[in-house]
Amino acid sequence: MRLDKFLKVSRLIKRRTLAKEVADQGRISINGQQAKASSNVKVGDELCIRFGQKLIKVRIDKLQETTKKEEAANMYSVIEESQIK
């Protein structure tokens, strides 16, 4: 699955266009490698996403084409959440 689609379906980022912009700015890495919006993600990958002053590290637990709002959080597990100084 494409990175931008995963971010939208899992609701880590609300819109796919916004997910694409964040990835193109170099603020997302997959397993330590800088990622583009078109990068493929798979179960077990670790994503590191920078939102302004916040850094979130998540592990992908499952991939789904669509999901309900309540089930979206089951697609990933948060490993670490920290503030950037």
PDB file of N, CA and C in Angstrom:
ATOM      1  N   MET A   1       0.848  -1.181   0.000  1.00  0.00           N
ATOM      2  CA  MET A   1       0.000   0.000   0.000  1.00  0.00           C
ATOM      3  C   MET A   1       0.892   1.243   0.000  1.00  0.00           C
ATOM      4  N   ARG A   2       0.436   2.248  -0.703  1.00  0.00           N
ATOM      5  CA  ARG A   2       1.190   3.513  -0.736  1.00  0.00           C
ATOM      6  C   ARG A   2       1.166   4.189   0.631  1.00  0.00           C
ATOM      7  N   LEU A   3       2.248   4.881   0.939  1.00  0.00           N
ATOM      8  CA  LEU A   3       2.377   5.568   2.222  1.00  0.00           C
ATOM      9  C   LEU A   3       1.262   6.589   2.430  1.00  0.00           C
ATOM     10  N   ASP A   4       0.988   7.430   1.425  1.00  0.00           N
ATOM     11  CA  ASP A   4      -0.036   8.466   1.602  1.00  0.00           C
ATOM     12  C   ASP A   4      -1.418   7.865   1.849  1.00  0.00           C
ATOM     13  N   LYS A   5      -1.723   6.751   1.191  1.00  0.00           N
ATOM     14  CA  LYS A   5      -3.021   6.097   1.407  1.00  0.00           C
ATOM     15  C   LYS A   5      -3.090   5.492   2.806  1.00  0.00           C
ATOM     16  N   PHE A   6      -2.001   4.868   3.269  1.00  0.00           N
ATOM     17  CA  PHE A   6      -1.997   4.301   4.619  1.00  0.00           C
ATOM     18  C   PHE A   6      -2.240   5.389   5.670  1.00  0.00           C
ATOM     19  N   LEU A   7      -1.563   6.526   5.521  1.00  0.00           N
ATOM     20  CA  LEU A   7      -1.714   7.612   6.492  1.00  0.00           C
ATOM     21  C   LEU A   7      -3.150   8.118   6.545  1.00  0.00           C
ATOM     22  N   LYS A   8      -3.817   8.174   5.384  1.00  0.00           N
ATOM     23  CA  LYS A   8      -5.205   8.624   5.344  1.00  0.00           C
ATOM     24  C   LYS A   8      -6.140   7.568   5.933  1.00  0.00           C
ATOM     25  N   VAL A   9      -6.012   6.310   5.499  1.00  0.00           N
ATOM     26  CA  VAL A   9      -6.914   5.253   5.965  1.00  0.00           C
ATOM     27  C   VAL A   9      -6.762   5.029   7.472  1.00  0.00           C
ATOM     28  N   SER A  10      -5.532   5.104   7.980  1.00  0.00           N
ATOM     29  CA  SER A  10      -5.296   4.907   9.411  1.00  0.00           C
ATOM     30  C   SER A  10      -5.630   6.151  10.226  1.00  0.00           C
ATOM     31  N   ARG A  11      -5.913   7.247   9.536  1.00  0.00           N
ATOM     32  CA  ARG A  11      -6.264   8.530  10.134  1.00  0.00           C
ATOM     33  C   ARG A  11      -5.134   9.145  10.964  1.00  0.00           C
ATOM     34  N   LEU A  12      -3.893   8.796  10.640  1.00  0.00           N
ATOM     35  CA  LEU A  12      -2.754   9.502  11.241  1.00  0.00           C
ATOM     36  C   LEU A  12      -2.717  10.914  10.676  1.00  0.00           C
ATOM     37  N   ILE A  13      -3.075  11.045   9.387  1.00  0.00           N
ATOM     38  CA  ILE A  13      -3.219  12.346   8.732  1.00  0.00           C
ATOM     39  C   ILE A  13      -4.591  12.336   8.055  1.00  0.00           C
ATOM     40  N   LYS A  14      -5.330  13.428   8.191  1.00  0.00           N
ATOM     41  CA  LYS A  14      -6.735  13.444   7.768  1.00  0.00           C
ATOM     42  C   LYS A  14      -6.963  13.291   6.261  1.00  0.00           C
ATOM     43  N   ARG A  15      -6.159  13.973   5.441  1.00  0.00           N
ATOM     44  CA  ARG A  15      -6.388  13.949   3.998  1.00  0.00           C
ATOM     45  C   ARG A  15      -5.178  13.414   3.259  1.00  0.00           C
ATOM     46  N   ARG A  16      -5.426  12.727   2.159  1.00  0.00           N
ATOM     47  CA  ARG A  16      -4.339  12.126   1.376  1.00  0.00           C
ATOM     48  C   ARG A  16      -3.448  13.198   0.748  1.00  0.00           C
ATOM     49  N   THR A  17      -4.024  14.318   0.333  1.00  0.00           N
ATOM     50  CA  THR A  17      -3.208  15.389  -0.255  1.00  0.00           C
ATOM     51  C   THR A  17      -2.262  15.966   0.796  1.00  0.00           C
ATOM     52  N   LEU A  18      -2.739  16.090   2.028  1.00  0.00           N
ATOM     53  CA  LEU A  18      -1.892  16.582   3.113  1.00  0.00           C
ATOM     54  C   LEU A  18      -0.787  15.564   3.431  1.00  0.00           C
ATOM     55  N   ALA A  19      -1.130  14.281   3.412  1.00  0.00           N
ATOM     56  CA  ALA A  19      -0.133  13.224   3.639  1.00  0.00           C
ATOM     57  C   ALA A  19       0.951  13.278   2.571  1.00  0.00           C
ATOM     58  N   LYS A  20       0.553  13.548   1.320  1.00  0.00           N
ATOM     59  CA  LYS A  20       1.517  13.649   0.227  1.00  0.00           C
ATOM     60  C   LYS A  20       2.452  14.842   0.441  1.00  0.00           C
ATOM     61  N   GLU A  21       1.901  15.983   0.842  1.00  0.00           N
ATOM     62  CA  GLU A  21       2.717  17.173   1.095  1.00  0.00           C
ATOM     63  C   GLU A  21       3.727  16.932   2.215  1.00  0.00           C
ATOM     64  N   VAL A  22       3.280  16.319   3.314  1.00  0.00           N
ATOM     65  CA  VAL A  22       4.163  16.046   4.451  1.00  0.00           C
ATOM     66  C   VAL A  22       5.304  15.121   4.017  1.00  0.00           C
ATOM     67  N   ALA A  23       4.983  14.085   3.241  1.00  0.00           N
ATOM     68  CA  ALA A  23       6.004  13.145   2.772  1.00  0.00           C
ATOM     69  C   ALA A  23       6.983  13.833   1.818  1.00  0.00           C
ATOM     70  N   ASP A  24       6.469  14.662   0.930  1.00  0.00           N
ATOM     71  CA  ASP A  24       7.332  15.346  -0.048  1.00  0.00           C
ATOM     72  C   ASP A  24       8.248  16.371   0.616  1.00  0.00           C
ATOM     73  N   GLN A  25       7.883  16.837   1.810  1.00  0.00           N
ATOM     74  CA  GLN A  25       8.733  17.770   2.553  1.00  0.00           C
ATOM     75  C   GLN A  25       9.827  17.036   3.318  1.00  0.00           C
ATOM     76  N   GLY A  26       9.849  15.703   3.259  1.00  0.00           N
ATOM     77  CA  GLY A  26      10.878  14.921   3.934  1.00  0.00           C
ATOM     78  C   GLY A  26      10.651  14.765   5.419  1.00  0.00           C
ATOM     79  N   ARG A  27       9.404  14.832   5.869  1.00  0.00           N
ATOM     80  CA  ARG A  27       9.104  14.747   7.297  1.00  0.00           C
ATOM     81  C   ARG A  27       8.669  13.352   7.732  1.00  0.00           C
ATOM     82  N   ILE A  28       8.754  12.370   6.815  1.00  0.00           N
ATOM     83  CA  ILE A  28       8.376  10.991   7.135  1.00  0.00           C
ATOM     84  C   ILE A  28       9.503  10.057   6.731  1.00  0.00           C
ATOM     85  N   SER A  29       9.806   9.095   7.606  1.00  0.00           N
ATOM     86  CA  SER A  29      10.781   8.070   7.239  1.00  0.00           C
ATOM     87  C   SER A  29      10.193   6.691   7.534  1.00  0.00           C
ATOM     88  N   ILE A  30      10.576   5.725   6.698  1.00  0.00           N
ATOM     89  CA  ILE A  30      10.160   4.337   6.872  1.00  0.00           C
ATOM     90  C   ILE A  30      11.407   3.537   7.198  1.00  0.00           C
ATOM     91  N   ASN A  31      11.426   2.920   8.370  1.00  0.00           N
ATOM     92  CA  ASN A  31      12.580   2.122   8.819  1.00  0.00           C
ATOM     93  C   ASN A  31      13.888   2.902   8.698  1.00  0.00           C
ATOM     94  N   GLY A  32      13.854   4.197   9.026  1.00  0.00           N
ATOM     95  CA  GLY A  32      15.059   5.017   9.008  1.00  0.00           C
ATOM     96  C   GLY A  32      15.414   5.618   7.662  1.00  0.00           C
ATOM     97  N   GLN A  33      14.693   5.266   6.602  1.00  0.00           N
ATOM     98  CA  GLN A  33      14.944   5.807   5.262  1.00  0.00           C
ATOM     99  C   GLN A  33      13.886   6.865   4.944  1.00  0.00           C
ATOM    100  N   GLN A  34      14.331   8.010   4.414  1.00  0.00           N
ATOM    101  CA  GLN A  34      13.382   9.062   4.044  1.00  0.00           C
ATOM    102  C   GLN A  34      12.414   8.519   2.997  1.00  0.00           C
ATOM    103  N   ALA A  35      11.137   8.847   3.144  1.00  0.00           N
ATOM    104  CA  ALA A  35      10.099   8.261   2.291  1.00  0.00           C
ATOM    105  C   ALA A  35       9.386   9.303   1.448  1.00  0.00           C
ATOM    106  N   LYS A  36       8.929   8.862   0.277  1.00  0.00           N
ATOM    107  CA  LYS A  36       8.070   9.668  -0.583  1.00  0.00           C
ATOM    108  C   LYS A  36       6.642   9.190  -0.398  1.00  0.00           C
ATOM    109  N   ALA A  37       5.686   9.975  -0.887  1.00  0.00           N
ATOM    110  CA  ALA A  37       4.271   9.609  -0.769  1.00  0.00           C
ATOM    111  C   ALA A  37       3.977   8.297  -1.482  1.00  0.00           C
ATOM    112  N   SER A  38       4.724   8.003  -2.536  1.00  0.00           N
ATOM    113  CA  SER A  38       4.471   6.795  -3.325  1.00  0.00           C
ATOM    114  C   SER A  38       5.198   5.567  -2.785  1.00  0.00           C
ATOM    115  N   SER A  39       5.966   5.720  -1.700  1.00  0.00           N
ATOM    116  CA  SER A  39       6.677   4.584  -1.120  1.00  0.00           C
ATOM    117  C   SER A  39       5.687   3.529  -0.646  1.00  0.00           C
ATOM    118  N   ASN A  40       6.056   2.269  -0.809  1.00  0.00           N
ATOM    119  CA  ASN A  40       5.200   1.180  -0.347  1.00  0.00           C
ATOM    120  C   ASN A  40       5.496   0.860   1.107  1.00  0.00           C
ATOM    121  N   VAL A  41       4.427   0.628   1.879  1.00  0.00           N
ATOM    122  CA  VAL A  41       4.589   0.217   3.272  1.00  0.00           C
ATOM    123  C   VAL A  41       4.022  -1.187   3.427  1.00  0.00           C
ATOM    124  N   LYS A  42       4.551  -1.913   4.405  1.00  0.00           N
ATOM    125  CA  LYS A  42       4.060  -3.262   4.684  1.00  0.00           C
ATOM    126  C   LYS A  42       3.962  -3.449   6.194  1.00  0.00           C
ATOM    127  N   VAL A  43       3.310  -4.521   6.605  1.00  0.00           N
ATOM    128  CA  VAL A  43       3.153  -4.815   8.024  1.00  0.00           C
ATOM    129  C   VAL A  43       4.533  -4.996   8.652  1.00  0.00           C
ATOM    130  N   GLY A  44       4.748  -4.363   9.796  1.00  0.00           N
ATOM    131  CA  GLY A  44       6.025  -4.458  10.492  1.00  0.00           C
ATOM    132  C   GLY A  44       6.924  -3.250  10.276  1.00  0.00           C
ATOM    133  N   ASP A  45       6.631  -2.427   9.267  1.00  0.00           N
ATOM    134  CA  ASP A  45       7.439  -1.224   9.021  1.00  0.00           C
ATOM    135  C   ASP A  45       7.254  -0.228  10.168  1.00  0.00           C
ATOM    136  N   GLU A  46       8.309   0.539  10.444  1.00  0.00           N
ATOM    137  CA  GLU A  46       8.230   1.595  11.446  1.00  0.00           C
ATOM    138  C   GLU A  46       8.260   2.942  10.741  1.00  0.00           C
ATOM    139  N   LEU A  47       7.268   3.766  11.025  1.00  0.00           N
ATOM    140  CA  LEU A  47       7.179   5.108  10.450  1.00  0.00           C
ATOM    141  C   LEU A  47       7.561   6.122  11.511  1.00  0.00           C
ATOM    142  N   CYS A  48       8.322   7.119  11.105  1.00  0.00           N
ATOM    143  CA  CYS A  48       8.672   8.225  11.983  1.00  0.00           C
ATOM    144  C   CYS A  48       8.132   9.493  11.304  1.00  0.00           C
ATOM    145  N   ILE A  49       7.174  10.143  11.935  1.00  0.00           N
ATOM    146  CA  ILE A  49       6.488  11.302  11.336  1.00  0.00           C
ATOM    147  C   ILE A  49       6.712  12.523  12.214  1.00  0.00           C
ATOM    148  N   ARG A  50       7.111  13.634  11.572  1.00  0.00           N
ATOM    149  CA  ARG A  50       7.325  14.886  12.300  1.00  0.00           C
ATOM    150  C   ARG A  50       6.164  15.841  12.013  1.00  0.00           C
ATOM    151  N   PHE A  51       5.404  16.173  13.063  1.00  0.00           N
ATOM    152  CA  PHE A  51       4.309  17.146  12.996  1.00  0.00           C
ATOM    153  C   PHE A  51       4.757  18.379  13.752  1.00  0.00           C
ATOM    154  N   GLY A  52       5.212  19.398  13.090  1.00  0.00           N
ATOM    155  CA  GLY A  52       5.627  20.621  13.768  1.00  0.00           C
ATOM    156  C   GLY A  52       6.675  20.346  14.824  1.00  0.00           C
ATOM    157  N   GLN A  53       6.307  20.490  16.100  1.00  0.00           N
ATOM    158  CA  GLN A  53       7.243  20.260  17.207  1.00  0.00           C
ATOM    159  C   GLN A  53       7.085  18.868  17.824  1.00  0.00           C
ATOM    160  N   LYS A  54       6.309  18.002  17.187  1.00  0.00           N
ATOM    161  CA  LYS A  54       6.058  16.674  17.734  1.00  0.00           C
ATOM    162  C   LYS A  54       6.601  15.595  16.800  1.00  0.00           C
ATOM    163  N   LEU A  55       7.187  14.558  17.382  1.00  0.00           N
ATOM    164  CA  LEU A  55       7.725  13.432  16.618  1.00  0.00           C
ATOM    165  C   LEU A  55       7.000  12.175  17.075  1.00  0.00           C
ATOM    166  N   ILE A  56       6.404  11.457  16.116  1.00  0.00           N
ATOM    167  CA  ILE A  56       5.667  10.239  16.445  1.00  0.00           C
ATOM    168  C   ILE A  56       6.309   9.067  15.713  1.00  0.00           C
ATOM    169  N   LYS A  57       6.540   7.988  16.441  1.00  0.00           N
ATOM    170  CA  LYS A  57       7.074   6.772  15.850  1.00  0.00           C
ATOM    171  C   LYS A  57       6.025   5.682  16.010  1.00  0.00           C
ATOM    172  N   VAL A  58       5.576   5.091  14.882  1.00  0.00           N
ATOM    173  CA  VAL A  58       4.540   4.049  14.921  1.00  0.00           C
ATOM    174  C   VAL A  58       4.998   2.815  14.144  1.00  0.00           C
ATOM    175  N   ARG A  59       4.440   1.665  14.524  1.00  0.00           N
ATOM    176  CA  ARG A  59       4.683   0.421  13.797  1.00  0.00           C
ATOM    177  C   ARG A  59       3.378  -0.002  13.130  1.00  0.00           C
ATOM    178  N   ILE A  60       3.451  -0.389  11.869  1.00  0.00           N
ATOM    179  CA  ILE A  60       2.266  -0.808  11.124  1.00  0.00           C
ATOM    180  C   ILE A  60       1.901  -2.227  11.547  1.00  0.00           C
ATOM    181  N   ASP A  61       0.662  -2.413  12.030  1.00  0.00           N
ATOM    182  CA  ASP A  61       0.204  -3.723  12.470  1.00  0.00           C
ATOM    183  C   ASP A  61      -0.631  -4.437  11.413  1.00  0.00           C
ATOM    184  N   LYS A  62      -1.416  -3.679  10.645  1.00  0.00           N
ATOM    185  CA  LYS A  62      -2.169  -4.296   9.548  1.00  0.00           C
ATOM    186  C   LYS A  62      -2.526  -3.257   8.500  1.00  0.00           C
ATOM    187  N   LEU A  63      -2.760  -3.752   7.291  1.00  0.00           N
ATOM    188  CA  LEU A  63      -3.119  -2.890   6.164  1.00  0.00           C
ATOM    189  C   LEU A  63      -4.535  -3.212   5.726  1.00  0.00           C
ATOM    190  N   GLN A  64      -5.335  -2.170   5.499  1.00  0.00           N
ATOM    191  CA  GLN A  64      -6.695  -2.325   5.003  1.00  0.00           C
ATOM    192  C   GLN A  64      -6.954  -1.225   3.984  1.00  0.00           C
ATOM    193  N   GLU A  65      -7.740  -1.549   2.961  1.00  0.00           N
ATOM    194  CA  GLU A  65      -8.079  -0.555   1.945  1.00  0.00           C
ATOM    195  C   GLU A  65      -8.998   0.525   2.517  1.00  0.00           C
ATOM    196  N   THR A  66      -9.943   0.108   3.344  1.00  0.00           N
ATOM    197  CA  THR A  66     -10.849   1.058   3.997  1.00  0.00           C
ATOM    198  C   THR A  66     -11.042   0.604   5.441  1.00  0.00           C
ATOM    199  N   THR A  67     -11.434   1.525   6.289  1.00  0.00           N
ATOM    200  CA  THR A  67     -11.675   1.179   7.691  1.00  0.00           C
ATOM    201  C   THR A  67     -12.639   2.182   8.307  1.00  0.00           C
ATOM    202  N   LYS A  68     -13.303   1.752   9.358  1.00  0.00           N
ATOM    203  CA  LYS A  68     -14.178   2.657  10.095  1.00  0.00           C
ATOM    204  C   LYS A  68     -13.332   3.478  11.056  1.00  0.00           C
ATOM    205  N   LYS A  69     -13.861   4.616  11.435  1.00  0.00           N
ATOM    206  CA  LYS A  69     -13.136   5.535  12.316  1.00  0.00           C
ATOM    207  C   LYS A  69     -12.693   4.847  13.610  1.00  0.00           C
ATOM    208  N   GLU A  70     -13.575   4.016  14.185  1.00  0.00           N
ATOM    209  CA  GLU A  70     -13.273   3.358  15.450  1.00  0.00           C
ATOM    210  C   GLU A  70     -12.153   2.325  15.318  1.00  0.00           C
ATOM    211  N   GLU A  71     -12.034   1.722  14.131  1.00  0.00           N
ATOM    212  CA  GLU A  71     -11.056   0.658  13.915  1.00  0.00           C
ATOM    213  C   GLU A  71      -9.726   1.159  13.362  1.00  0.00           C
ATOM    214  N   ALA A  72      -9.646   2.425  12.995  1.00  0.00           N
ATOM    215  CA  ALA A  72      -8.445   2.965  12.354  1.00  0.00           C
ATOM    216  C   ALA A  72      -7.218   2.859  13.244  1.00  0.00           C
ATOM    217  N   ALA A  73      -7.380   3.064  14.535  1.00  0.00           N
ATOM    218  CA  ALA A  73      -6.244   3.015  15.458  1.00  0.00           C
ATOM    219  C   ALA A  73      -5.664   1.609  15.602  1.00  0.00           C
ATOM    220  N   ASN A  74      -6.409   0.581  15.194  1.00  0.00           N
ATOM    221  CA  ASN A  74      -5.907  -0.796  15.260  1.00  0.00           C
ATOM    222  C   ASN A  74      -4.910  -1.104  14.154  1.00  0.00           C
ATOM    223  N   MET A  75      -4.761  -0.202  13.185  1.00  0.00           N
ATOM    224  CA  MET A  75      -3.854  -0.438  12.057  1.00  0.00           C
ATOM    225  C   MET A  75      -2.391  -0.194  12.428  1.00  0.00           C
ATOM    226  N   TYR A  76      -2.160   0.498  13.541  1.00  0.00           N
ATOM    227  CA  TYR A  76      -0.792   0.822  13.953  1.00  0.00           C
ATOM    228  C   TYR A  76      -0.704   0.856  15.468  1.00  0.00           C
ATOM    229  N   SER A  77       0.516   0.770  15.988  1.00  0.00           N
ATOM    230  CA  SER A  77       0.723   0.963  17.417  1.00  0.00           C
ATOM    231  C   SER A  77       1.824   2.014  17.609  1.00  0.00           C
ATOM    232  N   VAL A  78       1.577   2.933  18.525  1.00  0.00           N
ATOM    233  CA  VAL A  78       2.524   4.018  18.795  1.00  0.00           C
ATOM    234  C   VAL A  78       3.680   3.470  19.622  1.00  0.00           C
ATOM    235  N   ILE A  79       4.900   3.652  19.123  1.00  0.00           N
ATOM    236  CA  ILE A  79       6.092   3.202  19.829  1.00  0.00           C
ATOM    237  C   ILE A  79       6.612   4.320  20.717  1.00  0.00           C
ATOM    238  N   GLU A  80       6.638   5.516  20.156  1.00  0.00           N
ATOM    239  CA  GLU A  80       7.219   6.653  20.886  1.00  0.00           C
ATOM    240  C   GLU A  80       6.581   7.945  20.407  1.00  0.00           C
ATOM    241  N   GLU A  81       6.394   8.873  21.342  1.00  0.00           N
ATOM    242  CA  GLU A  81       5.867  10.201  21.009  1.00  0.00           C
ATOM    243  C   GLU A  81       6.673  11.195  21.816  1.00  0.00           C
ATOM    244  N   SER A  82       7.305  12.146  21.138  1.00  0.00           N
ATOM    245  CA  SER A  82       8.163  13.087  21.863  1.00  0.00           C
ATOM    246  C   SER A  82       8.067  14.488  21.263  1.00  0.00           C
ATOM    247  N   GLN A  83       8.491  15.467  22.048  1.00  0.00           N
ATOM    248  CA  GLN A  83       8.532  16.864  21.616  1.00  0.00           C
ATOM    249  C   GLN A  83       9.913  17.177  21.071  1.00  0.00           C
ATOM    250  N   ILE A  84       9.969  17.982  20.016  1.00  0.00           N
ATOM    251  CA  ILE A  84      11.242  18.433  19.449  1.00  0.00           C
ATOM    252  C   ILE A  84      11.523  19.823  20.004  1.00  0.00           C
ATOM    253  N   LYS A  85      12.725  20.024  20.458  1.00  0.00           N
ATOM    254  CA  LYS A  85      13.063  21.333  21.036  1.00  0.00           C
ATOM    255  C   LYS A  85      13.702  22.239  20.014  1.00  0.00           C
TER     256      LYS A  85
END
